Amino acid sequence: KGPSYTIDTACSSSLSAMAVGYDLIMS
């Protein structure tokens, strides 16, 4: 039931997704 989406920042996409997931947990 949590947020569900795809991040596209080119070559940094996977680590950007990691940052978004980290922020979702920390918030």
mmCIF file of all heavy atoms, coordinates in Angstrom:
data_MODEL
# 
_entry.id   MODEL 
# 
loop_
_atom_site.group_PDB 
_atom_site.id 
_atom_site.type_symbol 
_atom_site.label_atom_id 
_atom_site.label_alt_id 
_atom_site.label_comp_id 
_atom_site.label_asym_id 
_atom_site.label_entity_id 
_atom_site.label_seq_id 
_atom_site.pdbx_PDB_ins_code 
_atom_site.Cartn_x 
_atom_site.Cartn_y 
_atom_site.Cartn_z 
_atom_site.occupancy 
_atom_site.B_iso_or_equiv 
_atom_site.pdbx_formal_charge 
_atom_site.auth_seq_id 
_atom_site.auth_comp_id 
_atom_site.auth_asym_id 
_atom_site.auth_atom_id 
_atom_site.pdbx_PDB_model_num 
ATOM 1   N N   . LYS A 1 1  ? 0.797  -1.222 0.000   1.00 0.00 ? 1  LYS A N   1 
ATOM 2   C CA  . LYS A 1 1  ? 0.000  0.000  0.000   1.00 0.00 ? 1  LYS A CA  1 
ATOM 3   C C   . LYS A 1 1  ? 0.832  1.277  0.000   1.00 0.00 ? 1  LYS A C   1 
ATOM 4   O O   . LYS A 1 1  ? 0.280  2.378  -0.025  1.00 0.00 ? 1  LYS A O   1 
ATOM 5   C CB  . LYS A 1 1  ? -0.926 0.010  1.220   1.00 0.00 ? 1  LYS A CB  1 
ATOM 6   C CG  . LYS A 1 1  ? -1.793 -1.245 1.385   1.00 0.00 ? 1  LYS A CG  1 
ATOM 7   C CD  . LYS A 1 1  ? -2.755 -1.429 0.240   1.00 0.00 ? 1  LYS A CD  1 
ATOM 8   C CE  . LYS A 1 1  ? -3.692 -2.614 0.501   1.00 0.00 ? 1  LYS A CE  1 
ATOM 9   N NZ  . LYS A 1 1  ? -4.653 -2.811 -0.602  1.00 0.00 ? 1  LYS A NZ  1 
ATOM 10  N N   . GLY A 1 2  ? 2.148  1.155  0.048   1.00 0.00 ? 2  GLY A N   1 
ATOM 11  C CA  . GLY A 1 2  ? 2.991  2.350  0.091   1.00 0.00 ? 2  GLY A CA  1 
ATOM 12  C C   . GLY A 1 2  ? 3.172  2.981  -1.272  1.00 0.00 ? 2  GLY A C   1 
ATOM 13  O O   . GLY A 1 2  ? 2.676  2.469  -2.283  1.00 0.00 ? 2  GLY A O   1 
ATOM 14  N N   . PRO A 1 3  ? 3.885  4.126  -1.350  1.00 0.00 ? 3  PRO A N   1 
ATOM 15  C CA  . PRO A 1 3  ? 4.149  4.779  -2.629  1.00 0.00 ? 3  PRO A CA  1 
ATOM 16  C C   . PRO A 1 3  ? 4.806  3.818  -3.611  1.00 0.00 ? 3  PRO A C   1 
ATOM 17  O O   . PRO A 1 3  ? 5.626  2.982  -3.220  1.00 0.00 ? 3  PRO A O   1 
ATOM 18  C CB  . PRO A 1 3  ? 5.090  5.926  -2.254  1.00 0.00 ? 3  PRO A CB  1 
ATOM 19  C CG  . PRO A 1 3  ? 4.809  6.190  -0.813  1.00 0.00 ? 3  PRO A CG  1 
ATOM 20  C CD  . PRO A 1 3  ? 4.478  4.852  -0.212  1.00 0.00 ? 3  PRO A CD  1 
ATOM 21  N N   . SER A 1 4  ? 4.460  3.948  -4.891  1.00 0.00 ? 4  SER A N   1 
ATOM 22  C CA  . SER A 1 4  ? 4.964  3.014  -5.901  1.00 0.00 ? 4  SER A CA  1 
ATOM 23  C C   . SER A 1 4  ? 5.192  3.773  -7.203  1.00 0.00 ? 4  SER A C   1 
ATOM 24  O O   . SER A 1 4  ? 4.239  4.183  -7.853  1.00 0.00 ? 4  SER A O   1 
ATOM 25  C CB  . SER A 1 4  ? 3.968  1.872  -6.113  1.00 0.00 ? 4  SER A CB  1 
ATOM 26  O OG  . SER A 1 4  ? 4.428  0.963  -7.086  1.00 0.00 ? 4  SER A OG  1 
ATOM 27  N N   . TYR A 1 5  ? 6.462  3.970  -7.549  1.00 0.00 ? 5  TYR A N   1 
ATOM 28  C CA  . TYR A 1 5  ? 6.738  4.692  -8.786  1.00 0.00 ? 5  TYR A CA  1 
ATOM 29  C C   . TYR A 1 5  ? 8.152  4.409  -9.287  1.00 0.00 ? 5  TYR A C   1 
ATOM 30  O O   . TYR A 1 5  ? 8.977  3.831  -8.575  1.00 0.00 ? 5  TYR A O   1 
ATOM 31  C CB  . TYR A 1 5  ? 6.528  6.192  -8.628  1.00 0.00 ? 5  TYR A CB  1 
ATOM 32  C CG  . TYR A 1 5  ? 7.034  6.802  -7.350  1.00 0.00 ? 5  TYR A CG  1 
ATOM 33  C CD1 . TYR A 1 5  ? 8.371  7.150  -7.199  1.00 0.00 ? 5  TYR A CD1 1 
ATOM 34  C CD2 . TYR A 1 5  ? 6.164  7.066  -6.302  1.00 0.00 ? 5  TYR A CD2 1 
ATOM 35  C CE1 . TYR A 1 5  ? 8.822  7.735  -6.032  1.00 0.00 ? 5  TYR A CE1 1 
ATOM 36  C CE2 . TYR A 1 5  ? 6.610  7.652  -5.128  1.00 0.00 ? 5  TYR A CE2 1 
ATOM 37  C CZ  . TYR A 1 5  ? 7.939  7.989  -5.000  1.00 0.00 ? 5  TYR A CZ  1 
ATOM 38  O OH  . TYR A 1 5  ? 8.392  8.560  -3.838  1.00 0.00 ? 5  TYR A OH  1 
ATOM 39  N N   . THR A 1 6  ? 8.407  4.834  -10.512 1.00 0.00 ? 6  THR A N   1 
ATOM 40  C CA  . THR A 1 6  ? 9.695  4.619  -11.168 1.00 0.00 ? 6  THR A CA  1 
ATOM 41  C C   . THR A 1 6  ? 10.442 5.945  -11.296 1.00 0.00 ? 6  THR A C   1 
ATOM 42  O O   . THR A 1 6  ? 9.859  6.958  -11.666 1.00 0.00 ? 6  THR A O   1 
ATOM 43  C CB  . THR A 1 6  ? 9.504  3.993  -12.560 1.00 0.00 ? 6  THR A CB  1 
ATOM 44  O OG1 . THR A 1 6  ? 8.816  2.754  -12.424 1.00 0.00 ? 6  THR A OG1 1 
ATOM 45  C CG2 . THR A 1 6  ? 10.840 3.751  -13.238 1.00 0.00 ? 6  THR A CG2 1 
ATOM 46  N N   . ILE A 1 7  ? 11.733 5.920  -10.972 1.00 0.00 ? 7  ILE A N   1 
ATOM 47  C CA  . ILE A 1 7  ? 12.594 7.098  -11.034 1.00 0.00 ? 7  ILE A CA  1 
ATOM 48  C C   . ILE A 1 7  ? 13.500 6.988  -12.259 1.00 0.00 ? 7  ILE A C   1 
ATOM 49  O O   . ILE A 1 7  ? 14.130 5.951  -12.484 1.00 0.00 ? 7  ILE A O   1 
ATOM 50  C CB  . ILE A 1 7  ? 13.469 7.207  -9.769  1.00 0.00 ? 7  ILE A CB  1 
ATOM 51  C CG1 . ILE A 1 7  ? 12.595 7.303  -8.513  1.00 0.00 ? 7  ILE A CG1 1 
ATOM 52  C CG2 . ILE A 1 7  ? 14.420 8.392  -9.863  1.00 0.00 ? 7  ILE A CG2 1 
ATOM 53  C CD1 . ILE A 1 7  ? 11.797 8.560  -8.400  1.00 0.00 ? 7  ILE A CD1 1 
ATOM 54  N N   . ASP A 1 8  ? 13.582 8.046  -13.040 1.00 0.00 ? 8  ASP A N   1 
ATOM 55  C CA  . ASP A 1 8  ? 14.469 8.072  -14.202 1.00 0.00 ? 8  ASP A CA  1 
ATOM 56  C C   . ASP A 1 8  ? 15.353 9.302  -14.119 1.00 0.00 ? 8  ASP A C   1 
ATOM 57  O O   . ASP A 1 8  ? 14.913 10.423 -14.388 1.00 0.00 ? 8  ASP A O   1 
ATOM 58  C CB  . ASP A 1 8  ? 13.657 8.076  -15.498 1.00 0.00 ? 8  ASP A CB  1 
ATOM 59  C CG  . ASP A 1 8  ? 14.542 8.031  -16.742 1.00 0.00 ? 8  ASP A CG  1 
ATOM 60  O OD1 . ASP A 1 8  ? 15.785 8.077  -16.605 1.00 0.00 ? 8  ASP A OD1 1 
ATOM 61  O OD2 . ASP A 1 8  ? 13.989 7.940  -17.859 1.00 0.00 ? 8  ASP A OD2 1 
ATOM 62  N N   . THR A 1 9  ? 16.601 9.107  -13.714 1.00 0.00 ? 9  THR A N   1 
ATOM 63  C CA  . THR A 1 9  ? 17.588 10.191 -13.706 1.00 0.00 ? 9  THR A CA  1 
ATOM 64  C C   . THR A 1 9  ? 18.828 9.752  -14.475 1.00 0.00 ? 9  THR A C   1 
ATOM 65  O O   . THR A 1 9  ? 19.962 10.042 -14.080 1.00 0.00 ? 9  THR A O   1 
ATOM 66  C CB  . THR A 1 9  ? 17.964 10.600 -12.269 1.00 0.00 ? 9  THR A CB  1 
ATOM 67  O OG1 . THR A 1 9  ? 18.509 9.468  -11.580 1.00 0.00 ? 9  THR A OG1 1 
ATOM 68  C CG2 . THR A 1 9  ? 16.755 11.114 -11.500 1.00 0.00 ? 9  THR A CG2 1 
ATOM 69  N N   . ALA A 1 10 ? 18.592 8.994  -15.553 1.00 0.00 ? 10 ALA A N   1 
ATOM 70  C CA  . ALA A 1 10 ? 19.679 8.478  -16.392 1.00 0.00 ? 10 ALA A CA  1 
ATOM 71  C C   . ALA A 1 10 ? 20.586 7.552  -15.590 1.00 0.00 ? 10 ALA A C   1 
ATOM 72  O O   . ALA A 1 10 ? 20.095 6.676  -14.893 1.00 0.00 ? 10 ALA A O   1 
ATOM 73  C CB  . ALA A 1 10 ? 20.459 9.629  -17.034 1.00 0.00 ? 10 ALA A CB  1 
ATOM 74  N N   . CYS A 1 11 ? 21.906 7.774  -15.641 1.00 0.00 ? 11 CYS A N   1 
ATOM 75  C CA  . CYS A 1 11 ? 22.844 6.828  -15.037 1.00 0.00 ? 11 CYS A CA  1 
ATOM 76  C C   . CYS A 1 11 ? 22.797 6.817  -13.515 1.00 0.00 ? 11 CYS A C   1 
ATOM 77  O O   . CYS A 1 11 ? 23.381 5.929  -12.892 1.00 0.00 ? 11 CYS A O   1 
ATOM 78  C CB  . CYS A 1 11 ? 24.268 7.131  -15.502 1.00 0.00 ? 11 CYS A CB  1 
ATOM 79  S SG  . CYS A 1 11 ? 24.523 6.856  -17.267 1.00 0.00 ? 11 CYS A SG  1 
ATOM 80  N N   . SER A 1 12 ? 22.129 7.785  -12.918 1.00 0.00 ? 12 SER A N   1 
ATOM 81  C CA  . SER A 1 12 ? 22.016 7.808  -11.459 1.00 0.00 ? 12 SER A CA  1 
ATOM 82  C C   . SER A 1 12 ? 20.662 7.288  -10.991 1.00 0.00 ? 12 SER A C   1 
ATOM 83  O O   . SER A 1 12 ? 20.315 7.429  -9.810  1.00 0.00 ? 12 SER A O   1 
ATOM 84  C CB  . SER A 1 12 ? 22.226 9.236  -10.936 1.00 0.00 ? 12 SER A CB  1 
ATOM 85  O OG  . SER A 1 12 ? 21.255 10.116 -11.479 1.00 0.00 ? 12 SER A OG  1 
ATOM 86  N N   . SER A 1 13 ? 19.894 6.661  -11.875 1.00 0.00 ? 13 SER A N   1 
ATOM 87  C CA  . SER A 1 13 ? 18.518 6.262  -11.555 1.00 0.00 ? 13 SER A CA  1 
ATOM 88  C C   . SER A 1 13 ? 18.436 5.340  -10.340 1.00 0.00 ? 13 SER A C   1 
ATOM 89  O O   . SER A 1 13 ? 17.588 5.528  -9.462  1.00 0.00 ? 13 SER A O   1 
ATOM 90  C CB  . SER A 1 13 ? 17.875 5.578  -12.761 1.00 0.00 ? 13 SER A CB  1 
ATOM 91  O OG  . SER A 1 13 ? 17.731 6.467  -13.833 1.00 0.00 ? 13 SER A OG  1 
ATOM 92  N N   . SER A 1 14 ? 19.293 4.329  -10.274 1.00 0.00 ? 14 SER A N   1 
ATOM 93  C CA  . SER A 1 14 ? 19.193 3.361  -9.175  1.00 0.00 ? 14 SER A CA  1 
ATOM 94  C C   . SER A 1 14 ? 19.513 4.006  -7.832  1.00 0.00 ? 14 SER A C   1 
ATOM 95  O O   . SER A 1 14 ? 18.826 3.758  -6.834  1.00 0.00 ? 14 SER A O   1 
ATOM 96  C CB  . SER A 1 14 ? 20.120 2.166  -9.422  1.00 0.00 ? 14 SER A CB  1 
ATOM 97  O OG  . SER A 1 14 ? 21.469 2.579  -9.540  1.00 0.00 ? 14 SER A OG  1 
ATOM 98  N N   . LEU A 1 15 ? 20.538 4.854  -7.790  1.00 0.00 ? 15 LEU A N   1 
ATOM 99  C CA  . LEU A 1 15 ? 20.889 5.503  -6.532  1.00 0.00 ? 15 LEU A CA  1 
ATOM 100 C C   . LEU A 1 15 ? 19.894 6.609  -6.190  1.00 0.00 ? 15 LEU A C   1 
ATOM 101 O O   . LEU A 1 15 ? 19.665 6.894  -5.005  1.00 0.00 ? 15 LEU A O   1 
ATOM 102 C CB  . LEU A 1 15 ? 22.309 6.057  -6.599  1.00 0.00 ? 15 LEU A CB  1 
ATOM 103 C CG  . LEU A 1 15 ? 23.411 5.001  -6.745  1.00 0.00 ? 15 LEU A CG  1 
ATOM 104 C CD1 . LEU A 1 15 ? 24.784 5.639  -6.727  1.00 0.00 ? 15 LEU A CD1 1 
ATOM 105 C CD2 . LEU A 1 15 ? 23.304 3.948  -5.648  1.00 0.00 ? 15 LEU A CD2 1 
ATOM 106 N N   . SER A 1 16 ? 19.289 7.227  -7.200  1.00 0.00 ? 16 SER A N   1 
ATOM 107 C CA  . SER A 1 16 ? 18.227 8.197  -6.932  1.00 0.00 ? 16 SER A CA  1 
ATOM 108 C C   . SER A 1 16 ? 17.014 7.491  -6.338  1.00 0.00 ? 16 SER A C   1 
ATOM 109 O O   . SER A 1 16 ? 16.358 8.010  -5.425  1.00 0.00 ? 16 SER A O   1 
ATOM 110 C CB  . SER A 1 16 ? 17.832 8.926  -8.221  1.00 0.00 ? 16 SER A CB  1 
ATOM 111 O OG  . SER A 1 16 ? 18.883 9.741  -8.689  1.00 0.00 ? 16 SER A OG  1 
ATOM 112 N N   . ALA A 1 17 ? 16.712 6.297  -6.851  1.00 0.00 ? 17 ALA A N   1 
ATOM 113 C CA  . ALA A 1 17 ? 15.621 5.497  -6.284  1.00 0.00 ? 17 ALA A CA  1 
ATOM 114 C C   . ALA A 1 17 ? 15.934 5.126  -4.838  1.00 0.00 ? 17 ALA A C   1 
ATOM 115 O O   . ALA A 1 17 ? 15.056 5.141  -3.969  1.00 0.00 ? 17 ALA A O   1 
ATOM 116 C CB  . ALA A 1 17 ? 15.409 4.237  -7.116  1.00 0.00 ? 17 ALA A CB  1 
ATOM 117 N N   . MET A 1 18 ? 17.196 4.809  -4.577  1.00 0.00 ? 18 MET A N   1 
ATOM 118 C CA  . MET A 1 18 ? 17.629 4.502  -3.210  1.00 0.00 ? 18 MET A CA  1 
ATOM 119 C C   . MET A 1 18 ? 17.423 5.707  -2.297  1.00 0.00 ? 18 MET A C   1 
ATOM 120 O O   . MET A 1 18 ? 16.959 5.572  -1.155  1.00 0.00 ? 18 MET A O   1 
ATOM 121 C CB  . MET A 1 18 ? 19.113 4.114  -3.230  1.00 0.00 ? 18 MET A CB  1 
ATOM 122 C CG  . MET A 1 18 ? 19.656 3.618  -1.919  1.00 0.00 ? 18 MET A CG  1 
ATOM 123 S SD  . MET A 1 18 ? 19.258 1.889  -1.640  1.00 0.00 ? 18 MET A SD  1 
ATOM 124 C CE  . MET A 1 18 ? 20.358 1.541  -0.267  1.00 0.00 ? 18 MET A CE  1 
ATOM 125 N N   . ALA A 1 19 ? 17.737 6.898  -2.797  1.00 0.00 ? 19 ALA A N   1 
ATOM 126 C CA  . ALA A 1 19 ? 17.577 8.113  -2.006  1.00 0.00 ? 19 ALA A CA  1 
ATOM 127 C C   . ALA A 1 19 ? 16.109 8.382  -1.700  1.00 0.00 ? 19 ALA A C   1 
ATOM 128 O O   . ALA A 1 19 ? 15.758 8.780  -0.582  1.00 0.00 ? 19 ALA A O   1 
ATOM 129 C CB  . ALA A 1 19 ? 18.190 9.308  -2.747  1.00 0.00 ? 19 ALA A CB  1 
ATOM 130 N N   . VAL A 1 20 ? 15.249 8.153  -2.691  1.00 0.00 ? 20 VAL A N   1 
ATOM 131 C CA  . VAL A 1 20 ? 13.817 8.365  -2.481  1.00 0.00 ? 20 VAL A CA  1 
ATOM 132 C C   . VAL A 1 20 ? 13.286 7.376  -1.446  1.00 0.00 ? 20 VAL A C   1 
ATOM 133 O O   . VAL A 1 20 ? 12.526 7.748  -0.536  1.00 0.00 ? 20 VAL A O   1 
ATOM 134 C CB  . VAL A 1 20 ? 13.053 8.227  -3.808  1.00 0.00 ? 20 VAL A CB  1 
ATOM 135 C CG1 . VAL A 1 20 ? 11.549 8.213  -3.569  1.00 0.00 ? 20 VAL A CG1 1 
ATOM 136 C CG2 . VAL A 1 20 ? 13.422 9.358  -4.759  1.00 0.00 ? 20 VAL A CG2 1 
ATOM 137 N N   . GLY A 1 21 ? 13.680 6.105  -1.564  1.00 0.00 ? 21 GLY A N   1 
ATOM 138 C CA  . GLY A 1 21 ? 13.252 5.101  -0.593  1.00 0.00 ? 21 GLY A CA  1 
ATOM 139 C C   . GLY A 1 21 ? 13.742 5.420  0.807   1.00 0.00 ? 21 GLY A C   1 
ATOM 140 O O   . GLY A 1 21 ? 13.005 5.265  1.791   1.00 0.00 ? 21 GLY A O   1 
ATOM 141 N N   . TYR A 1 22 ? 14.985 5.877  0.910   1.00 0.00 ? 22 TYR A N   1 
ATOM 142 C CA  . TYR A 1 22 ? 15.561 6.268  2.207   1.00 0.00 ? 22 TYR A CA  1 
ATOM 143 C C   . TYR A 1 22 ? 14.756 7.405  2.833   1.00 0.00 ? 22 TYR A C   1 
ATOM 144 O O   . TYR A 1 22 ? 14.424 7.377  4.023   1.00 0.00 ? 22 TYR A O   1 
ATOM 145 C CB  . TYR A 1 22 ? 17.012 6.682  1.995   1.00 0.00 ? 22 TYR A CB  1 
ATOM 146 C CG  . TYR A 1 22 ? 17.727 7.209  3.221   1.00 0.00 ? 22 TYR A CG  1 
ATOM 147 C CD1 . TYR A 1 22 ? 18.385 6.352  4.087   1.00 0.00 ? 22 TYR A CD1 1 
ATOM 148 C CD2 . TYR A 1 22 ? 17.752 8.581  3.488   1.00 0.00 ? 22 TYR A CD2 1 
ATOM 149 C CE1 . TYR A 1 22 ? 19.044 6.838  5.206   1.00 0.00 ? 22 TYR A CE1 1 
ATOM 150 C CE2 . TYR A 1 22 ? 18.399 9.069  4.606   1.00 0.00 ? 22 TYR A CE2 1 
ATOM 151 C CZ  . TYR A 1 22 ? 19.055 8.200  5.457   1.00 0.00 ? 22 TYR A CZ  1 
ATOM 152 O OH  . TYR A 1 22 ? 19.708 8.688  6.566   1.00 0.00 ? 22 TYR A OH  1 
ATOM 153 N N   . ASP A 1 23 ? 14.431 8.408  2.020   1.00 0.00 ? 23 ASP A N   1 
ATOM 154 C CA  . ASP A 1 23 ? 13.679 9.554  2.531   1.00 0.00 ? 23 ASP A CA  1 
ATOM 155 C C   . ASP A 1 23 ? 12.263 9.164  2.951   1.00 0.00 ? 23 ASP A C   1 
ATOM 156 O O   . ASP A 1 23 ? 11.721 9.704  3.919   1.00 0.00 ? 23 ASP A O   1 
ATOM 157 C CB  . ASP A 1 23 ? 13.619 10.656 1.472   1.00 0.00 ? 23 ASP A CB  1 
ATOM 158 C CG  . ASP A 1 23 ? 14.960 11.347 1.272   1.00 0.00 ? 23 ASP A CG  1 
ATOM 159 O OD1 . ASP A 1 23 ? 15.805 11.275 2.189   1.00 0.00 ? 23 ASP A OD1 1 
ATOM 160 O OD2 . ASP A 1 23 ? 15.179 11.941 0.197   1.00 0.00 ? 23 ASP A OD2 1 
ATOM 161 N N   . LEU A 1 24 ? 11.653 8.234  2.220   1.00 0.00 ? 24 LEU A N   1 
ATOM 162 C CA  . LEU A 1 24 ? 10.310 7.776  2.577   1.00 0.00 ? 24 LEU A CA  1 
ATOM 163 C C   . LEU A 1 24 ? 10.311 7.102  3.956   1.00 0.00 ? 24 LEU A C   1 
ATOM 164 O O   . LEU A 1 24 ? 9.384  7.289  4.753   1.00 0.00 ? 24 LEU A O   1 
ATOM 165 C CB  . LEU A 1 24 ? 9.789  6.798  1.525   1.00 0.00 ? 24 LEU A CB  1 
ATOM 166 C CG  . LEU A 1 24 ? 9.377  7.388  0.164   1.00 0.00 ? 24 LEU A CG  1 
ATOM 167 C CD1 . LEU A 1 24 ? 9.068  6.274  -0.820  1.00 0.00 ? 24 LEU A CD1 1 
ATOM 168 C CD2 . LEU A 1 24 ? 8.174  8.315  0.315   1.00 0.00 ? 24 LEU A CD2 1 
ATOM 169 N N   . ILE A 1 25 ? 11.367 6.338  4.220   1.00 0.00 ? 25 ILE A N   1 
ATOM 170 C CA  . ILE A 1 25 ? 11.464 5.663  5.517   1.00 0.00 ? 25 ILE A CA  1 
ATOM 171 C C   . ILE A 1 25 ? 11.796 6.659  6.622   1.00 0.00 ? 25 ILE A C   1 
ATOM 172 O O   . ILE A 1 25 ? 11.168 6.659  7.686   1.00 0.00 ? 25 ILE A O   1 
ATOM 173 C CB  . ILE A 1 25 ? 12.526 4.542  5.463   1.00 0.00 ? 25 ILE A CB  1 
ATOM 174 C CG1 . ILE A 1 25 ? 12.072 3.440  4.503   1.00 0.00 ? 25 ILE A CG1 1 
ATOM 175 C CG2 . ILE A 1 25 ? 12.775 3.966  6.845   1.00 0.00 ? 25 ILE A CG2 1 
ATOM 176 C CD1 . ILE A 1 25 ? 13.109 2.348  4.281   1.00 0.00 ? 25 ILE A CD1 1 
ATOM 177 N N   . MET A 1 26 ? 12.764 7.541  6.385   1.00 0.00 ? 26 MET A N   1 
ATOM 178 C CA  . MET A 1 26 ? 13.190 8.493  7.406   1.00 0.00 ? 26 MET A CA  1 
ATOM 179 C C   . MET A 1 26 ? 12.101 9.501  7.745   1.00 0.00 ? 26 MET A C   1 
ATOM 180 O O   . MET A 1 26 ? 12.043 10.015 8.867   1.00 0.00 ? 26 MET A O   1 
ATOM 181 C CB  . MET A 1 26 ? 14.450 9.225  6.946   1.00 0.00 ? 26 MET A CB  1 
ATOM 182 C CG  . MET A 1 26 ? 15.670 8.322  6.769   1.00 0.00 ? 26 MET A CG  1 
ATOM 183 S SD  . MET A 1 26 ? 16.151 7.467  8.296   1.00 0.00 ? 26 MET A SD  1 
ATOM 184 C CE  . MET A 1 26 ? 16.712 8.858  9.281   1.00 0.00 ? 26 MET A CE  1 
ATOM 185 N N   . SER A 1 27 ? 11.229 9.806  6.786   1.00 0.00 ? 27 SER A N   1 
ATOM 186 C CA  . SER A 1 27 ? 10.154 10.763 7.028   1.00 0.00 ? 27 SER A CA  1 
ATOM 187 C C   . SER A 1 27 ? 8.955  10.127 7.713   1.00 0.00 ? 27 SER A C   1 
ATOM 188 O O   . SER A 1 27 ? 8.006  10.827 8.087   1.00 0.00 ? 27 SER A O   1 
ATOM 189 C CB  . SER A 1 27 ? 9.707  11.399 5.707   1.00 0.00 ? 27 SER A CB  1 
ATOM 190 O OG  . SER A 1 27 ? 9.172  10.412 4.829   1.00 0.00 ? 27 SER A OG  1 
# 
